[in-house]
Every structure is written in structure tokens, then in C-alpha cells.
């Protein structure tokens, strides 16, 4: 591939098909690759444009990456804890609402029973009063 970059020193990269043909445009290489058994296309970079990092730069990049990963892990753990707390709070709220609804239903049932008993007692009292009044009128 060096001959391509020697004849075209401004070229930063080229695309090479499995049969060794080099192309300036990736799309051209892919189109040619479709005609081959091995359709792979490899990107080849001009060494003149590659940046060489010294060990110190690489070490700094690795340290920066480690710090970034640690921060990402911490953020993910915090997010998971917040989600868990929110789910717990929602479950507690749902349980409290259910309990309140059950209590309200029980109180309503008791009130309805008391009202029915009161109504039955009033009817019985009215019936007794009617019977007394009727008996008293018959006795006169």
C-alpha cells in the first residue's frame, strides 16, 4: 500500500478489497467487493498522518479512562439506588392507599349495617306503636 501513498502523499487513507485492489472511496471498494467471494474491505491509513503517542500520553489517557469509567460506574450505581428507592416508595404508597381503601370499605360496611339496624328498629317501633294504637282503639 505504500506505493499508493507515495504517489498520492495527500491521501490520508484508502480502502482495499480482499483481492488487493485499492480505492480512494469506501463506496467504490464496497461495490467492487460485492463481485468477490470475500466481500471484506479494509481501511488502510497513511502512516504520514498517524500521530505517535509517547508512553506518558498513553498513560494519561489510560488514567483519564479509568477516572471516566469510575465516574460512570458511580453514576450508574447512584441511578440504580435512586430507582430502587423510588420503587420502594411507590410500593409503600400503594400499600398505604390499599390499606386506607380497605379501612374505608370496612367503615362504610359498619355504617351501612348500623343504618339498617336503626331502620329495622324504627320500623319495629312504628309497628309496635301502630299495634298499641290499634289495640287501644279496639278496647274503647
N, C-alpha and C. Protein backbone atom coordinates (compact mmCIF):
# COMPACT_ATOMS: atom_id res chain seq x y z
N UNK A 1 0.82 -1.19 0.00
CA UNK A 1 0.00 0.00 0.00
C UNK A 1 0.86 1.26 0.00
N UNK A 2 2.11 1.11 0.37
CA UNK A 2 2.99 2.28 0.42
C UNK A 2 3.08 2.98 -0.93
N UNK A 3 3.00 2.22 -2.03
CA UNK A 3 3.11 2.85 -3.35
C UNK A 3 1.93 3.79 -3.61
N UNK A 4 0.77 3.49 -3.09
CA UNK A 4 -0.39 4.37 -3.27
C UNK A 4 -0.16 5.69 -2.54
N UNK A 5 0.37 5.60 -1.32
CA UNK A 5 0.60 6.81 -0.53
C UNK A 5 1.81 7.59 -1.04
N UNK A 6 2.77 6.89 -1.66
CA UNK A 6 3.92 7.59 -2.25
C UNK A 6 3.49 8.39 -3.46
N UNK A 7 2.60 7.81 -4.26
CA UNK A 7 2.14 8.53 -5.46
C UNK A 7 1.06 9.55 -5.13
N UNK A 8 0.43 9.38 -3.97
CA UNK A 8 -0.62 10.30 -3.52
C UNK A 8 -0.35 10.68 -2.05
N UNK A 9 0.67 11.51 -1.80
CA UNK A 9 1.05 11.80 -0.42
C UNK A 9 -0.03 12.55 0.38
N UNK A 10 -0.95 13.20 -0.30
CA UNK A 10 -2.02 13.92 0.39
C UNK A 10 -3.14 12.99 0.87
N UNK A 11 -3.14 11.77 0.40
CA UNK A 11 -4.18 10.80 0.72
C UNK A 11 -3.97 10.28 2.15
N UNK A 12 -4.99 10.46 2.99
CA UNK A 12 -4.87 10.03 4.40
C UNK A 12 -5.20 8.55 4.58
N UNK A 13 -6.09 8.02 3.73
CA UNK A 13 -6.44 6.62 3.83
C UNK A 13 -6.98 6.13 2.50
N UNK A 14 -6.95 4.81 2.35
CA UNK A 14 -7.56 4.19 1.17
C UNK A 14 -8.29 2.94 1.63
N UNK A 15 -9.02 2.34 0.72
CA UNK A 15 -9.85 1.19 1.05
C UNK A 15 -9.45 0.05 0.14
N UNK A 16 -9.11 -1.07 0.74
CA UNK A 16 -8.56 -2.19 -0.01
C UNK A 16 -9.51 -3.38 0.09
N UNK A 17 -9.82 -3.96 -1.07
CA UNK A 17 -10.69 -5.14 -1.10
C UNK A 17 -9.86 -6.39 -0.89
N UNK A 18 -10.53 -7.52 -0.73
CA UNK A 18 -9.84 -8.78 -0.43
C UNK A 18 -8.91 -9.23 -1.55
N UNK A 19 -9.13 -8.74 -2.78
CA UNK A 19 -8.24 -9.12 -3.89
C UNK A 19 -7.06 -8.16 -4.03
N UNK A 20 -6.94 -7.20 -3.10
CA UNK A 20 -5.79 -6.29 -3.10
C UNK A 20 -5.98 -5.00 -3.86
N UNK A 21 -7.12 -4.79 -4.45
CA UNK A 21 -7.39 -3.54 -5.17
C UNK A 21 -7.61 -2.42 -4.16
N UNK A 22 -7.01 -1.26 -4.44
CA UNK A 22 -7.15 -0.11 -3.55
C UNK A 22 -8.06 0.94 -4.20
N UNK A 23 -8.85 1.59 -3.36
CA UNK A 23 -9.80 2.60 -3.83
C UNK A 23 -9.72 3.82 -2.94
N UNK A 24 -9.98 4.98 -3.54
CA UNK A 24 -9.99 6.23 -2.79
C UNK A 24 -11.26 6.35 -1.95
N UNK A 25 -12.38 5.86 -2.48
CA UNK A 25 -13.68 5.97 -1.82
C UNK A 25 -14.11 4.60 -1.29
N UNK A 26 -14.60 4.58 -0.07
CA UNK A 26 -15.04 3.32 0.54
C UNK A 26 -16.18 2.69 -0.26
N UNK A 27 -17.09 3.52 -0.74
CA UNK A 27 -18.22 3.02 -1.51
C UNK A 27 -17.75 2.29 -2.76
N UNK A 28 -16.73 2.82 -3.44
CA UNK A 28 -16.19 2.15 -4.63
C UNK A 28 -15.61 0.79 -4.25
N UNK A 29 -14.91 0.73 -3.13
CA UNK A 29 -14.33 -0.54 -2.68
C UNK A 29 -15.43 -1.54 -2.34
N UNK A 30 -16.47 -1.09 -1.69
CA UNK A 30 -17.57 -1.98 -1.34
C UNK A 30 -18.28 -2.51 -2.59
N UNK A 31 -18.48 -1.61 -3.56
CA UNK A 31 -19.12 -2.04 -4.80
C UNK A 31 -18.27 -3.11 -5.50
N UNK A 32 -16.96 -2.91 -5.56
CA UNK A 32 -16.08 -3.90 -6.17
C UNK A 32 -16.08 -5.18 -5.32
N UNK A 33 -16.10 -5.05 -4.01
CA UNK A 33 -16.09 -6.20 -3.11
C UNK A 33 -17.29 -7.10 -3.29
N UNK A 34 -18.41 -6.53 -3.73
CA UNK A 34 -19.61 -7.33 -3.95
C UNK A 34 -19.41 -8.39 -5.03
N UNK A 35 -18.45 -8.14 -5.91
CA UNK A 35 -18.20 -9.08 -7.02
C UNK A 35 -17.25 -10.20 -6.59
N UNK A 36 -16.70 -10.12 -5.37
CA UNK A 36 -15.71 -11.08 -4.90
C UNK A 36 -16.34 -12.08 -3.93
N UNK A 37 -15.67 -13.21 -3.79
CA UNK A 37 -16.13 -14.22 -2.83
C UNK A 37 -16.00 -13.66 -1.41
N UNK A 38 -14.82 -13.10 -1.10
CA UNK A 38 -14.60 -12.44 0.19
C UNK A 38 -14.92 -10.97 -0.01
N UNK A 39 -16.02 -10.51 0.55
CA UNK A 39 -16.51 -9.15 0.29
C UNK A 39 -15.96 -8.11 1.26
N UNK A 40 -14.98 -8.49 2.07
CA UNK A 40 -14.46 -7.57 3.07
C UNK A 40 -13.67 -6.42 2.43
N UNK A 41 -13.73 -5.28 3.13
CA UNK A 41 -13.00 -4.07 2.72
C UNK A 41 -12.22 -3.60 3.94
N UNK A 42 -10.93 -3.38 3.77
CA UNK A 42 -10.08 -2.94 4.87
C UNK A 42 -9.68 -1.48 4.65
N UNK A 43 -9.75 -0.70 5.72
CA UNK A 43 -9.29 0.69 5.66
C UNK A 43 -7.81 0.70 5.99
N UNK A 44 -7.00 1.32 5.12
CA UNK A 44 -5.56 1.41 5.33
C UNK A 44 -5.22 2.89 5.45
N UNK A 45 -4.49 3.23 6.54
CA UNK A 45 -4.17 4.63 6.81
C UNK A 45 -2.74 4.95 6.37
N UNK A 46 -2.55 6.17 5.90
CA UNK A 46 -1.23 6.68 5.51
C UNK A 46 -0.45 6.97 6.79
N UNK A 47 0.68 6.31 6.95
CA UNK A 47 1.50 6.46 8.16
C UNK A 47 1.93 7.91 8.39
N UNK A 48 2.02 8.67 7.33
CA UNK A 48 2.45 10.06 7.45
C UNK A 48 1.45 10.89 8.25
N UNK A 49 0.22 10.45 8.30
CA UNK A 49 -0.82 11.19 9.01
C UNK A 49 -1.12 10.63 10.39
N UNK A 50 -0.49 9.51 10.74
CA UNK A 50 -0.74 8.92 12.05
C UNK A 50 0.05 9.66 13.11
N UNK A 51 -0.59 9.87 14.23
CA UNK A 51 0.05 10.55 15.35
C UNK A 51 0.65 9.50 16.27
N UNK A 52 1.91 9.71 16.63
CA UNK A 52 2.57 8.78 17.52
C UNK A 52 2.49 9.35 18.93
N UNK A 53 1.94 8.56 19.83
CA UNK A 53 1.84 8.96 21.23
C UNK A 53 2.99 8.36 22.00
N UNK A 54 3.53 9.16 22.91
CA UNK A 54 4.58 8.57 23.76
C UNK A 54 3.90 7.89 24.95
N UNK A 55 4.66 7.16 25.71
CA UNK A 55 4.12 6.37 26.81
C UNK A 55 3.40 7.25 27.83
N UNK A 56 3.91 8.47 28.04
CA UNK A 56 3.29 9.37 29.01
C UNK A 56 1.89 9.76 28.55
N UNK A 57 1.73 10.05 27.25
CA UNK A 57 0.41 10.40 26.72
C UNK A 57 -0.56 9.23 26.87
N UNK A 58 -0.07 8.05 26.57
CA UNK A 58 -0.92 6.87 26.67
C UNK A 58 -1.30 6.63 28.12
N UNK A 59 -0.34 6.79 29.03
CA UNK A 59 -0.61 6.59 30.44
C UNK A 59 -1.66 7.59 30.93
N UNK A 60 -1.54 8.83 30.49
CA UNK A 60 -2.52 9.86 30.87
C UNK A 60 -3.89 9.51 30.32
N UNK A 61 -3.92 8.99 29.09
CA UNK A 61 -5.20 8.59 28.50
C UNK A 61 -5.82 7.44 29.28
N UNK A 62 -5.00 6.48 29.68
CA UNK A 62 -5.49 5.34 30.45
C UNK A 62 -6.01 5.80 31.80
N UNK A 63 -5.28 6.70 32.46
CA UNK A 63 -5.73 7.22 33.75
C UNK A 63 -7.05 7.98 33.59
N UNK A 64 -7.12 8.76 32.54
CA UNK A 64 -8.36 9.50 32.27
C UNK A 64 -9.52 8.56 32.01
N UNK A 65 -9.23 7.48 31.30
CA UNK A 65 -10.26 6.49 31.00
C UNK A 65 -10.71 5.81 32.29
N UNK A 66 -9.77 5.47 33.15
CA UNK A 66 -10.10 4.83 34.42
C UNK A 66 -10.97 5.75 35.27
N UNK A 67 -10.63 7.04 35.31
CA UNK A 67 -11.44 8.01 36.06
C UNK A 67 -12.84 8.11 35.47
N UNK A 68 -12.90 8.14 34.15
CA UNK A 68 -14.19 8.22 33.46
C UNK A 68 -15.03 6.99 33.78
N UNK A 69 -14.42 5.80 33.69
CA UNK A 69 -15.15 4.57 33.98
C UNK A 69 -15.63 4.53 35.43
N UNK A 70 -14.79 5.00 36.35
CA UNK A 70 -15.18 5.04 37.77
C UNK A 70 -16.36 5.99 37.97
N UNK A 71 -16.31 7.13 37.31
CA UNK A 71 -17.41 8.10 37.42
C UNK A 71 -18.69 7.53 36.82
N UNK A 72 -18.56 6.84 35.69
CA UNK A 72 -19.73 6.22 35.05
C UNK A 72 -20.33 5.14 35.95
N UNK A 73 -19.46 4.34 36.56
CA UNK A 73 -19.92 3.27 37.46
C UNK A 73 -20.65 3.88 38.67
N UNK A 74 -20.05 4.94 39.22
CA UNK A 74 -20.66 5.61 40.37
C UNK A 74 -22.02 6.19 39.99
N UNK A 75 -22.10 6.79 38.82
CA UNK A 75 -23.37 7.37 38.37
C UNK A 75 -24.41 6.28 38.16
N UNK A 76 -24.00 5.15 37.60
CA UNK A 76 -24.93 4.03 37.38
C UNK A 76 -25.42 3.47 38.71
N UNK A 77 -24.50 3.34 39.68
CA UNK A 77 -24.89 2.84 40.99
C UNK A 77 -25.86 3.81 41.68
N UNK A 78 -25.58 5.10 41.55
CA UNK A 78 -26.46 6.12 42.15
C UNK A 78 -27.84 6.06 41.50
N UNK A 79 -27.86 5.93 40.19
CA UNK A 79 -29.13 5.85 39.46
C UNK A 79 -29.91 4.60 39.89
N UNK A 80 -29.20 3.48 40.04
CA UNK A 80 -29.86 2.24 40.47
C UNK A 80 -30.43 2.38 41.88
N UNK A 81 -29.67 3.02 42.77
CA UNK A 81 -30.14 3.23 44.14
C UNK A 81 -31.36 4.15 44.16
N UNK A 82 -31.33 5.20 43.36
CA UNK A 82 -32.47 6.12 43.29
C UNK A 82 -33.71 5.41 42.73
N UNK A 83 -33.49 4.58 41.73
CA UNK A 83 -34.61 3.83 41.13
C UNK A 83 -35.19 2.88 42.16
N UNK A 84 -34.32 2.19 42.90
CA UNK A 84 -34.78 1.25 43.93
C UNK A 84 -35.56 1.99 45.01
N UNK A 85 -35.05 3.16 45.44
CA UNK A 85 -35.75 3.95 46.46
C UNK A 85 -37.11 4.42 45.95
N UNK A 86 -37.16 4.83 44.70
CA UNK A 86 -38.43 5.29 44.12
C UNK A 86 -39.43 4.13 44.03
N UNK A 87 -38.94 2.95 43.65
CA UNK A 87 -39.82 1.78 43.56
C UNK A 87 -40.33 1.40 44.95
N UNK A 88 -39.46 1.47 45.95
CA UNK A 88 -39.85 1.15 47.32
C UNK A 88 -40.90 2.15 47.80
N UNK A 89 -40.67 3.42 47.53
CA UNK A 89 -41.61 4.47 47.94
C UNK A 89 -42.96 4.26 47.25
N UNK A 90 -42.92 3.91 45.97
CA UNK A 90 -44.17 3.68 45.24
C UNK A 90 -44.91 2.48 45.81
N UNK A 91 -44.19 1.42 46.16
CA UNK A 91 -44.81 0.23 46.74
C UNK A 91 -45.43 0.55 48.10
N UNK A 92 -44.72 1.34 48.91
CA UNK A 92 -45.24 1.73 50.22
C UNK A 92 -46.50 2.60 50.07
N UNK A 93 -46.46 3.51 49.11
CA UNK A 93 -47.61 4.38 48.86
C UNK A 93 -48.80 3.55 48.41
N UNK A 94 -48.55 2.59 47.53
CA UNK A 94 -49.62 1.73 47.03
C UNK A 94 -50.22 0.90 48.18
N UNK A 95 -49.34 0.38 49.06
CA UNK A 95 -49.81 -0.40 50.20
C UNK A 95 -50.64 0.47 51.14
N UNK A 96 -50.19 1.69 51.38
CA UNK A 96 -50.93 2.61 52.26
C UNK A 96 -52.28 2.96 51.65
N UNK A 97 -52.33 3.18 50.34
CA UNK A 97 -53.59 3.50 49.68
C UNK A 97 -54.55 2.32 49.75
N UNK A 98 -54.00 1.11 49.57
CA UNK A 98 -54.83 -0.10 49.65
C UNK A 98 -55.39 -0.27 51.05
N UNK A 99 -54.54 -0.06 52.05
CA UNK A 99 -54.97 -0.17 53.44
C UNK A 99 -56.06 0.86 53.75
N UNK A 100 -55.86 2.08 53.28
CA UNK A 100 -56.85 3.13 53.51
C UNK A 100 -58.18 2.79 52.83
N UNK A 101 -58.11 2.24 51.64
CA UNK A 101 -59.32 1.87 50.91
C UNK A 101 -60.04 0.74 51.64
N UNK A 102 -59.28 -0.24 52.15
CA UNK A 102 -59.88 -1.35 52.89
C UNK A 102 -60.54 -0.84 54.18
N UNK A 103 -59.86 0.09 54.87
CA UNK A 103 -60.40 0.66 56.11
C UNK A 103 -61.68 1.42 55.80
N UNK A 104 -61.67 2.21 54.74
CA UNK A 104 -62.85 2.98 54.35
C UNK A 104 -64.01 2.04 54.00
N UNK A 105 -63.70 0.95 53.30
CA UNK A 105 -64.75 -0.01 52.94
C UNK A 105 -65.33 -0.67 54.18
N UNK A 106 -64.46 -1.01 55.13
CA UNK A 106 -64.93 -1.62 56.39
C UNK A 106 -65.80 -0.63 57.16
N UNK A 107 -65.38 0.63 57.25
CA UNK A 107 -66.16 1.65 57.96
C UNK A 107 -67.51 1.87 57.27
N UNK A 108 -67.51 1.85 55.97
CA UNK A 108 -68.75 2.03 55.21
C UNK A 108 -69.69 0.86 55.48
N UNK A 109 -69.13 -0.35 55.52
CA UNK A 109 -69.93 -1.55 55.79
C UNK A 109 -70.57 -1.47 57.19
N UNK A 110 -69.77 -1.05 58.18
CA UNK A 110 -70.28 -0.91 59.55
C UNK A 110 -71.38 0.15 59.59
N UNK A 111 -71.14 1.28 58.92
CA UNK A 111 -72.14 2.36 58.91
C UNK A 111 -73.43 1.89 58.24
N UNK A 112 -73.30 1.13 57.14
CA UNK A 112 -74.50 0.63 56.45
C UNK A 112 -75.25 -0.36 57.33
N UNK A 113 -74.50 -1.21 58.05
CA UNK A 113 -75.13 -2.19 58.95
C UNK A 113 -75.87 -1.47 60.08
N UNK A 114 -75.22 -0.44 60.66
CA UNK A 114 -75.85 0.33 61.73
C UNK A 114 -77.09 1.03 61.23
N UNK A 115 -77.02 1.58 60.02
CA UNK A 115 -78.17 2.27 59.45
C UNK A 115 -79.32 1.29 59.21
N UNK A 116 -78.97 0.09 58.73
CA UNK A 116 -80.01 -0.93 58.50
C UNK A 116 -80.64 -1.36 59.82
N UNK A 117 -79.79 -1.54 60.86
CA UNK A 117 -80.32 -1.92 62.17
C UNK A 117 -81.22 -0.83 62.74
N UNK A 118 -80.80 0.43 62.56
CA UNK A 118 -81.59 1.56 63.06
C UNK A 118 -82.93 1.61 62.33
N UNK A 119 -82.88 1.41 61.02
CA UNK A 119 -84.10 1.45 60.22
C UNK A 119 -85.04 0.31 60.64
N UNK A 120 -84.45 -0.87 60.88
CA UNK A 120 -85.26 -2.01 61.31
C UNK A 120 -85.87 -1.73 62.68
N UNK A 121 -85.09 -1.13 63.58
CA UNK A 121 -85.61 -0.81 64.92
C UNK A 121 -86.72 0.22 64.82
N UNK A 122 -86.55 1.22 63.95
CA UNK A 122 -87.59 2.24 63.78
C UNK A 122 -88.86 1.63 63.21
N UNK A 123 -88.71 0.72 62.27
CA UNK A 123 -89.89 0.05 61.70
C UNK A 123 -90.60 -0.77 62.77
N UNK A 124 -89.79 -1.48 63.57
CA UNK A 124 -90.36 -2.30 64.66
C UNK A 124 -91.09 -1.41 65.67
N UNK A 125 -90.45 -0.27 65.99
CA UNK A 125 -91.09 0.65 66.95
C UNK A 125 -92.39 1.20 66.37
N UNK A 126 -92.35 1.55 65.08
CA UNK A 126 -93.56 2.06 64.43
C UNK A 126 -94.63 0.99 64.40
N UNK A 127 -94.24 -0.25 64.14
CA UNK A 127 -95.18 -1.37 64.10
C UNK A 127 -95.80 -1.59 65.48
N UNK A 128 -94.95 -1.54 66.50
CA UNK A 128 -95.43 -1.71 67.87
C UNK A 128 -96.37 -0.56 68.25
N UNK A 129 -95.98 0.65 67.86
CA UNK A 129 -96.82 1.80 68.16
C UNK A 129 -98.16 1.68 67.45
N UNK A 130 -98.13 1.24 66.22
CA UNK A 130 -99.37 1.05 65.45
C UNK A 130 -100.24 -0.02 66.12
N UNK A 131 -99.56 -1.11 66.54
CA UNK A 131 -100.31 -2.20 67.19
C UNK A 131 -100.93 -1.70 68.49
N UNK A 132 -100.22 -0.92 69.28
CA UNK A 132 -100.75 -0.37 70.54
C UNK A 132 -101.93 0.56 70.26
N UNK A 133 -101.74 1.40 69.25
CA UNK A 133 -102.79 2.37 68.91
C UNK A 133 -104.03 1.61 68.44
N UNK A 134 -103.85 0.61 67.65
CA UNK A 134 -104.97 -0.17 67.12
C UNK A 134 -105.65 -0.92 68.26
N UNK A 135 -104.87 -1.52 69.16
CA UNK A 135 -105.43 -2.26 70.31
C UNK A 135 -106.16 -1.31 71.24
N UNK A 136 -105.64 -0.14 71.45
CA UNK A 136 -106.26 0.85 72.34
C UNK A 136 -107.58 1.31 71.76
N UNK A 137 -107.67 1.46 70.45
CA UNK A 137 -108.90 1.92 69.79
C UNK A 137 -109.94 0.82 69.86
N UNK A 138 -109.53 -0.43 69.77
CA UNK A 138 -110.45 -1.57 69.83
C UNK A 138 -111.00 -1.71 71.24
N UNK A 139 -110.17 -1.41 72.22
CA UNK A 139 -110.56 -1.54 73.62
C UNK A 139 -111.53 -0.44 74.07
N UNK A 140 -111.74 0.60 73.41
CA UNK A 140 -112.61 1.72 73.82
C UNK A 140 -113.98 1.41 73.51
